[in-house]
Amino acid sequence: MKILLITDQHFGVRNDNQYFIESYRKFYTNVVLPYIDAHNITDVICLGDTFDKRRSINFMSLEAAKDMWFTPLQDRGVTMDMLVGNHDIYYKNTLRVNAPSELLGEYNNIRVHTKPTTAVFGGLPILLLPWICDENRAEVLEEVGSTEAKVCMGHLELNGFEAHPGHVMQHGMDKNTFSKFKKVFSGHYHMKSNKGNVYYLGNPYQLYWNDYGCKRGFHVFDTDTLKTTFIRNPFDTFYKVYYNNGVSLPDSSELQGAYVKLIVEEKGDYAKFDYTVNQLQGMSLGDLKIIEDLNAEVSSDSVLETEDTMTLLDNYIDEIDLKVSKSNIKNLMRSLYMEASEI
């Protein structure tokens, strides 16, 4: 049996930005749903953080999510097992009030998991674990110890894994807590990574500039072999276009809705440069930033990520004089930022 695994969809991200909504729609309409149809997928497991904001969702984002994802799955008869993630819960230490249960009750093909559950897929028992908090920690650990499942899927916060590009988590549960399982697949961290039997699947699309160049997509799990196949999302959100006396631009259909940085290495003919800018402005971009480095005082790479909050923090720490480990300070600041963003 083949199961489609997807995680950290974050419907409503970036303050319900319309360009991100349309980027999501392009991904589900042109990539995910055709894959489901072509490969006769009947089961989807969502590993948490279906929604982005803990305490609200914009009606436009909710209706768009239903239209592009939840309703098409129901129409196809596809069953979804959905784990509740930390972004899905209203209160931080209980899963009782959560967005999937409150917002998706009209769908009889969706099973929302707020408790640790061992379910059977294609003859294979799989332990499904929602976000672990004070309320359910003892129950989760008891189920981990008693289950006969050899595969675990959850929304786990484990120590020592890369959560975002360049940021390795310095707190969380020990991965050895799950050493009994042959395979552990998890959402929560947006970077794809693997250590031993633990696999972080990563989210389906790029959300911030520090995701530039990171491969995103979804996975297909084979219950017979316990192997996964990665299906890449071909639609990047962030592009860097280097201008050096001219540039060959990607096709407008590729850049529609994208966030683009035009990095000027050598401007040359001003009229030619202005023509390039006009071309980009006519492509319905999500955002265009022009970065000029005429004096070559700063390398272009160091200028690229300035509007990303976590990059700003890193740059600030690099510039100040500290007698303690700057790496530890960066990890602490990033952890605090991630926690604050969930409120």
Protein backbone atom coordinates (compact mmCIF):
# COMPACT_ATOMS: atom_id res chain seq x y z
CA MET A 1 0.00 0.00 0.00
CA LYS A 2 1.20 3.51 -0.83
CA ILE A 3 0.37 6.38 1.55
CA LEU A 4 0.93 10.03 0.72
CA LEU A 5 2.67 11.85 3.57
CA ILE A 6 2.47 15.62 3.84
CA THR A 7 3.22 17.92 6.75
CA ASP A 8 3.37 21.53 7.89
CA GLN A 9 1.04 22.88 5.22
CA HIS A 10 0.47 26.06 7.26
CA PHE A 11 -2.67 27.28 5.53
CA GLY A 12 -2.94 31.01 6.27
CA VAL A 13 0.81 31.61 6.47
CA ARG A 14 2.38 35.05 5.98
CA ASN A 15 -0.75 36.82 7.23
CA ASP A 16 -2.95 35.13 4.64
CA ASN A 17 -0.90 36.54 1.78
CA GLN A 18 -2.80 36.10 -1.48
CA TYR A 19 0.34 35.24 -3.45
CA PHE A 20 1.09 32.37 -1.09
CA ILE A 21 -2.50 31.13 -1.34
CA GLU A 22 -2.22 31.03 -5.12
CA SER A 23 1.19 29.36 -4.90
CA TYR A 24 -0.36 26.66 -2.72
CA ARG A 25 -3.20 26.25 -5.19
CA LYS A 26 -0.75 25.77 -8.07
CA PHE A 27 1.08 23.07 -6.08
CA TYR A 28 -2.01 21.08 -5.11
CA THR A 29 -3.78 21.48 -8.46
CA ASN A 30 -0.80 20.74 -10.72
CA VAL A 31 1.30 18.38 -8.61
CA VAL A 32 -0.34 16.66 -5.64
CA LEU A 33 -3.84 15.89 -6.92
CA PRO A 34 -2.61 14.64 -10.33
CA TYR A 35 -0.16 12.37 -8.48
CA ILE A 36 -2.99 11.00 -6.34
CA ASP A 37 -5.04 10.33 -9.46
CA ALA A 38 -2.21 8.74 -11.44
CA HIS A 39 -1.10 6.42 -8.63
CA ASN A 40 -4.50 5.56 -7.14
CA ILE A 41 -3.61 6.92 -3.71
CA THR A 42 -6.43 6.21 -1.23
CA ASP A 43 -4.83 7.36 2.03
CA VAL A 44 -3.09 10.55 3.12
CA ILE A 45 -1.43 11.16 6.48
CA CYS A 46 -0.87 14.78 7.48
CA LEU A 47 1.82 15.06 10.15
CA GLY A 48 0.61 18.27 11.79
CA ASP A 49 0.49 22.06 11.46
CA THR A 50 -2.21 22.01 8.83
CA PHE A 51 -3.02 25.59 9.79
CA ASP A 52 -0.61 28.40 10.60
CA LYS A 53 -2.12 30.63 13.28
CA ARG A 54 -2.86 29.15 16.66
CA ARG A 55 -5.78 31.40 17.52
CA SER A 56 -7.43 32.49 14.29
CA ILE A 57 -7.76 31.84 10.59
CA ASN A 58 -8.81 34.17 7.83
CA PHE A 59 -12.05 33.07 6.13
CA MET A 60 -10.43 33.53 2.70
CA SER A 61 -7.55 31.19 3.62
CA LEU A 62 -9.89 28.57 5.06
CA GLU A 63 -12.17 28.55 2.03
CA ALA A 64 -9.17 28.40 -0.29
CA ALA A 65 -7.74 25.44 1.64
CA LYS A 66 -11.04 23.62 1.39
CA ASP A 67 -11.37 24.38 -2.31
CA MET A 68 -7.84 23.37 -3.33
CA TRP A 69 -7.21 20.45 -0.96
CA PHE A 70 -9.83 19.12 1.43
CA THR A 71 -12.85 19.03 -0.89
CA PRO A 72 -10.94 17.46 -3.83
CA LEU A 73 -9.74 14.70 -1.48
CA GLN A 74 -13.27 14.05 -0.28
CA ASP A 75 -14.56 14.01 -3.87
CA ARG A 76 -11.94 11.39 -4.73
CA GLY A 77 -12.81 9.21 -1.73
CA VAL A 78 -9.35 9.68 -0.22
CA THR A 79 -9.09 9.16 3.54
CA MET A 80 -6.92 11.55 5.55
CA ASP A 81 -5.49 10.87 9.00
CA MET A 82 -4.51 14.25 10.42
CA LEU A 83 -2.22 14.70 13.41
CA VAL A 84 -2.71 17.85 15.45
CA GLY A 85 0.43 20.00 15.46
CA ASN A 86 1.56 22.83 17.72
CA HIS A 87 0.28 25.49 15.30
CA ASP A 88 -3.13 23.81 15.27
CA ILE A 89 -3.88 24.18 18.99
CA TYR A 90 -5.44 27.19 20.68
CA TYR A 91 -3.80 26.64 24.07
CA LYS A 92 -0.16 25.61 24.28
CA ASN A 93 -0.56 22.81 26.83
CA THR A 94 -3.71 21.06 25.65
CA LEU A 95 -4.97 19.67 22.35
CA ARG A 96 -8.63 19.83 23.30
CA VAL A 97 -9.31 22.99 21.29
CA ASN A 98 -7.70 22.62 17.87
CA ALA A 99 -8.29 24.04 14.40
CA PRO A 100 -8.71 20.77 12.43
CA SER A 101 -11.46 19.50 14.74
CA GLU A 102 -13.24 22.86 14.80
CA LEU A 103 -12.92 23.78 11.11
CA LEU A 104 -13.05 20.49 9.20
CA GLY A 105 -15.95 18.70 10.83
CA GLU A 106 -17.93 18.70 7.58
CA TYR A 107 -15.50 16.19 6.04
CA ASN A 108 -16.34 12.58 6.88
CA ASN A 109 -13.12 11.35 5.23
CA ILE A 110 -10.85 13.14 7.76
CA ARG A 111 -9.83 11.58 11.07
CA VAL A 112 -8.26 14.12 13.42
CA HIS A 113 -5.89 12.55 15.97
CA THR A 114 -5.55 14.31 19.32
CA LYS A 115 -4.40 11.18 21.17
CA PRO A 116 -1.65 8.64 20.46
CA THR A 117 -3.21 5.98 18.24
CA THR A 118 -1.96 2.78 16.68
CA ALA A 119 -3.73 2.35 13.33
CA VAL A 120 -3.30 -0.31 10.64
CA PHE A 121 -2.54 0.65 7.03
CA GLY A 122 -2.17 -2.10 4.45
CA GLY A 123 -1.62 -4.62 7.23
CA LEU A 124 1.09 -2.46 8.84
CA PRO A 125 0.50 -1.04 12.35
CA ILE A 126 1.65 2.59 12.57
CA LEU A 127 1.79 4.65 15.76
CA LEU A 128 0.35 8.12 15.13
CA LEU A 129 1.47 10.81 17.56
CA PRO A 130 0.07 14.35 17.70
CA TRP A 131 1.97 17.25 19.29
CA ILE A 132 3.32 16.27 22.71
CA CYS A 133 2.53 18.70 25.53
CA ASP A 134 2.01 18.65 29.31
CA GLU A 135 -1.49 17.23 28.92
CA ASN A 136 -0.61 14.10 26.95
CA ARG A 137 3.10 13.48 27.61
CA ALA A 138 2.59 10.55 30.00
CA GLU A 139 -0.01 8.99 27.70
CA VAL A 140 2.29 9.29 24.69
CA LEU A 141 5.27 7.74 26.48
CA GLU A 142 3.09 4.87 27.69
CA GLU A 143 1.84 4.21 24.15
CA VAL A 144 5.38 4.41 22.75
CA GLY A 145 6.44 1.75 25.23
CA SER A 146 3.49 -0.59 24.74
CA THR A 147 2.71 -0.42 21.02
CA GLU A 148 3.67 -3.27 18.73
CA ALA A 149 4.00 -0.90 15.78
CA LYS A 150 7.40 -0.79 14.08
CA VAL A 151 6.70 2.55 12.39
CA CYS A 152 5.91 5.83 14.13
CA MET A 153 4.62 9.04 12.56
CA GLY A 154 4.29 12.20 14.59
CA HIS A 155 4.72 15.92 15.07
CA LEU A 156 7.80 15.64 17.24
CA GLU A 157 10.24 18.14 18.68
CA LEU A 158 13.53 16.24 18.93
CA ASN A 159 16.91 17.57 20.01
CA GLY A 160 19.78 17.85 17.53
CA PHE A 161 17.89 18.21 14.24
CA GLU A 162 17.95 21.13 11.82
CA ALA A 163 14.65 22.99 12.14
CA HIS A 164 15.37 25.75 9.62
CA PRO A 165 18.40 26.33 7.40
CA GLY A 166 21.41 26.71 9.68
CA HIS A 167 19.43 26.32 12.92
CA VAL A 168 19.92 23.07 14.85
CA MET A 169 17.55 22.62 17.79
CA GLN A 170 19.29 22.49 21.14
CA HIS A 171 16.28 21.32 23.12
CA GLY A 172 13.48 18.80 22.79
CA MET A 173 13.10 15.08 23.39
CA ASP A 174 15.94 12.64 22.88
CA LYS A 175 15.55 10.72 19.63
CA ASN A 176 16.47 7.54 21.52
CA THR A 177 13.01 7.70 23.11
CA PHE A 178 11.87 6.26 19.77
CA SER A 179 14.73 3.81 19.21
CA LYS A 180 12.42 0.76 19.23
CA PHE A 181 10.89 1.76 15.88
CA LYS A 182 12.36 0.78 12.53
CA LYS A 183 11.25 4.09 11.05
CA VAL A 184 10.10 7.37 12.62
CA PHE A 185 8.67 10.03 10.32
CA SER A 186 7.95 13.49 11.67
CA GLY A 187 6.67 16.92 10.85
CA HIS A 188 7.36 20.14 12.84
CA TYR A 189 10.83 20.98 11.51
CA HIS A 190 10.70 22.37 7.98
CA MET A 191 14.09 21.05 6.88
CA LYS A 192 14.35 17.54 5.44
CA SER A 193 16.85 15.58 7.51
CA ASN A 194 17.66 12.11 8.80
CA LYS A 195 19.54 10.67 11.77
CA GLY A 196 19.41 6.94 12.34
CA ASN A 197 15.79 5.78 12.24
CA VAL A 198 14.33 9.32 12.42
CA TYR A 199 13.27 11.19 9.29
CA TYR A 200 12.03 14.77 9.24
CA LEU A 201 10.00 15.13 6.04
CA GLY A 202 10.09 18.92 5.65
CA ASN A 203 7.22 21.15 4.58
CA PRO A 204 5.78 21.20 1.04
CA TYR A 205 6.80 24.70 -0.04
CA GLN A 206 9.22 27.54 0.65
CA LEU A 207 7.83 30.04 3.17
CA TYR A 208 10.67 32.48 3.93
CA TRP A 209 13.78 33.79 2.22
CA ASN A 210 16.00 31.51 4.25
CA ASP A 211 14.25 28.63 2.44
CA TYR A 212 15.80 29.79 -0.84
CA GLY A 213 17.28 26.84 -2.70
CA CYS A 214 15.75 24.26 -0.33
CA LYS A 215 13.91 21.39 -1.99
CA ARG A 216 10.32 21.08 -0.80
CA GLY A 217 7.54 18.62 -1.58
CA PHE A 218 5.78 15.54 -0.22
CA HIS A 219 6.56 11.85 0.29
CA VAL A 220 4.96 8.55 -0.57
CA PHE A 221 5.38 5.74 1.97
CA ASP A 222 5.32 2.05 0.98
CA THR A 223 3.89 -0.12 3.76
CA ASP A 224 5.58 -3.22 2.30
CA THR A 225 9.15 -1.92 2.08
CA LEU A 226 8.93 0.90 4.69
CA LYS A 227 10.65 3.15 2.14
CA THR A 228 9.61 6.63 1.07
CA THR A 229 9.75 8.36 -2.30
CA PHE A 230 10.21 12.13 -2.34
CA ILE A 231 8.11 14.08 -4.85
CA ARG A 232 9.54 17.56 -5.26
CA ASN A 233 7.43 20.68 -5.50
CA PRO A 234 8.70 22.23 -8.78
CA PHE A 235 7.35 25.68 -7.91
CA ASP A 236 9.92 27.65 -5.94
CA THR A 237 8.70 30.74 -4.09
CA PHE A 238 11.98 32.65 -3.96
CA TYR A 239 14.27 33.52 -6.86
CA LYS A 240 17.56 35.39 -7.15
CA VAL A 241 18.27 36.92 -10.54
CA TYR A 242 21.83 38.17 -11.07
CA TYR A 243 22.15 41.12 -13.46
CA ASN A 244 25.51 41.69 -15.11
CA ASN A 245 25.15 43.99 -18.13
CA GLY A 246 22.01 42.03 -18.90
CA VAL A 247 20.22 38.84 -17.85
CA SER A 248 18.16 36.03 -19.32
CA LEU A 249 14.93 35.98 -17.31
CA PRO A 250 12.95 32.83 -16.51
CA ASP A 251 9.58 32.44 -18.20
CA SER A 252 6.85 34.66 -16.75
CA SER A 253 4.72 31.61 -15.88
CA GLU A 254 7.55 30.37 -13.65
CA LEU A 255 7.90 33.69 -11.83
CA GLN A 256 4.20 34.51 -11.42
CA GLY A 257 3.55 35.11 -7.72
CA ALA A 258 7.24 34.57 -6.86
CA TYR A 259 9.41 36.72 -4.59
CA VAL A 260 12.36 37.92 -6.65
CA LYS A 261 15.62 39.66 -5.82
CA LEU A 262 17.32 41.33 -8.74
CA ILE A 263 20.96 41.47 -7.69
CA VAL A 264 22.89 44.04 -9.70
CA GLU A 265 26.53 43.04 -10.17
CA GLU A 266 27.16 45.38 -13.10
CA LYS A 267 24.41 47.65 -14.40
CA GLY A 268 26.00 48.77 -17.67
CA ASP A 269 23.45 50.23 -20.08
CA TYR A 270 20.82 52.00 -17.94
CA ALA A 271 18.12 51.75 -20.60
CA LYS A 272 18.68 48.00 -20.88
CA PHE A 273 18.53 47.66 -17.10
CA ASP A 274 15.29 49.66 -16.89
CA TYR A 275 13.80 47.42 -19.58
CA THR A 276 14.64 44.35 -17.47
CA VAL A 277 13.02 45.91 -14.40
CA ASN A 278 9.90 46.72 -16.43
CA GLN A 279 9.79 43.14 -17.66
CA LEU A 280 9.88 41.82 -14.08
CA GLN A 281 7.27 44.32 -12.90
CA GLY A 282 4.94 43.03 -15.61
CA MET A 283 5.18 39.40 -14.50
CA SER A 284 2.70 39.58 -11.57
CA LEU A 285 5.42 38.92 -9.01
CA GLY A 286 4.63 38.57 -5.34
CA ASP A 287 7.48 40.95 -4.57
CA LEU A 288 10.48 42.48 -6.33
CA LYS A 289 13.56 43.80 -4.55
CA ILE A 290 16.44 45.40 -6.44
CA ILE A 291 19.78 45.03 -4.69
CA GLU A 292 22.51 47.28 -6.04
CA ASP A 293 26.10 46.92 -4.95
CA LEU A 294 27.74 49.54 -7.15
CA ASN A 295 30.75 50.07 -4.86
CA ALA A 296 31.36 46.36 -4.33
CA GLU A 297 31.83 47.03 -0.63
CA VAL A 298 29.67 44.13 0.41
CA SER A 299 29.35 40.82 -1.38
CA SER A 300 25.93 40.18 -2.81
CA ASP A 301 25.41 37.04 -0.74
CA SER A 302 25.60 38.98 2.51
CA VAL A 303 22.88 41.35 1.39
CA LEU A 304 20.41 38.78 0.22
CA GLU A 305 18.55 37.74 3.33
CA THR A 306 18.20 41.05 5.14
CA GLU A 307 14.43 41.08 5.46
CA ASP A 308 14.27 37.66 7.10
CA THR A 309 13.83 38.09 10.86
CA MET A 310 16.06 35.23 11.93
CA THR A 311 18.78 36.32 9.52
CA LEU A 312 18.61 39.82 10.97
CA LEU A 313 19.15 38.35 14.43
CA ASP A 314 22.15 36.34 13.22
CA ASN A 315 23.70 39.37 11.53
CA TYR A 316 23.22 41.52 14.63
CA ILE A 317 24.87 38.94 16.87
CA ASP A 318 27.80 38.64 14.44
CA GLU A 319 28.38 42.39 14.60
CA ILE A 320 28.41 42.89 18.37
CA ASP A 321 31.26 42.11 20.76
CA LEU A 322 30.42 39.13 22.98
CA LYS A 323 32.53 37.08 25.36
CA VAL A 324 30.18 34.10 25.18
CA SER A 325 29.56 31.67 22.33
CA LYS A 326 27.77 33.49 19.51
CA SER A 327 26.53 30.15 18.20
CA ASN A 328 24.76 29.43 21.50
CA ILE A 329 23.23 32.92 21.52
CA LYS A 330 21.98 32.45 17.96
CA ASN A 331 20.37 29.14 18.83
CA LEU A 332 18.70 30.67 21.90
CA MET A 333 17.39 33.66 19.94
CA ARG A 334 16.05 31.44 17.17
CA SER A 335 14.32 29.16 19.67
CA LEU A 336 12.71 32.17 21.38
CA TYR A 337 11.65 33.55 17.99
CA MET A 338 10.06 30.24 16.99
CA GLU A 339 8.22 30.01 20.31
CA ALA A 340 6.99 33.60 20.01
CA SER A 341 5.74 33.00 16.47
CA GLU A 342 3.44 30.26 17.76
CA ILE A 343 1.58 32.52 20.21
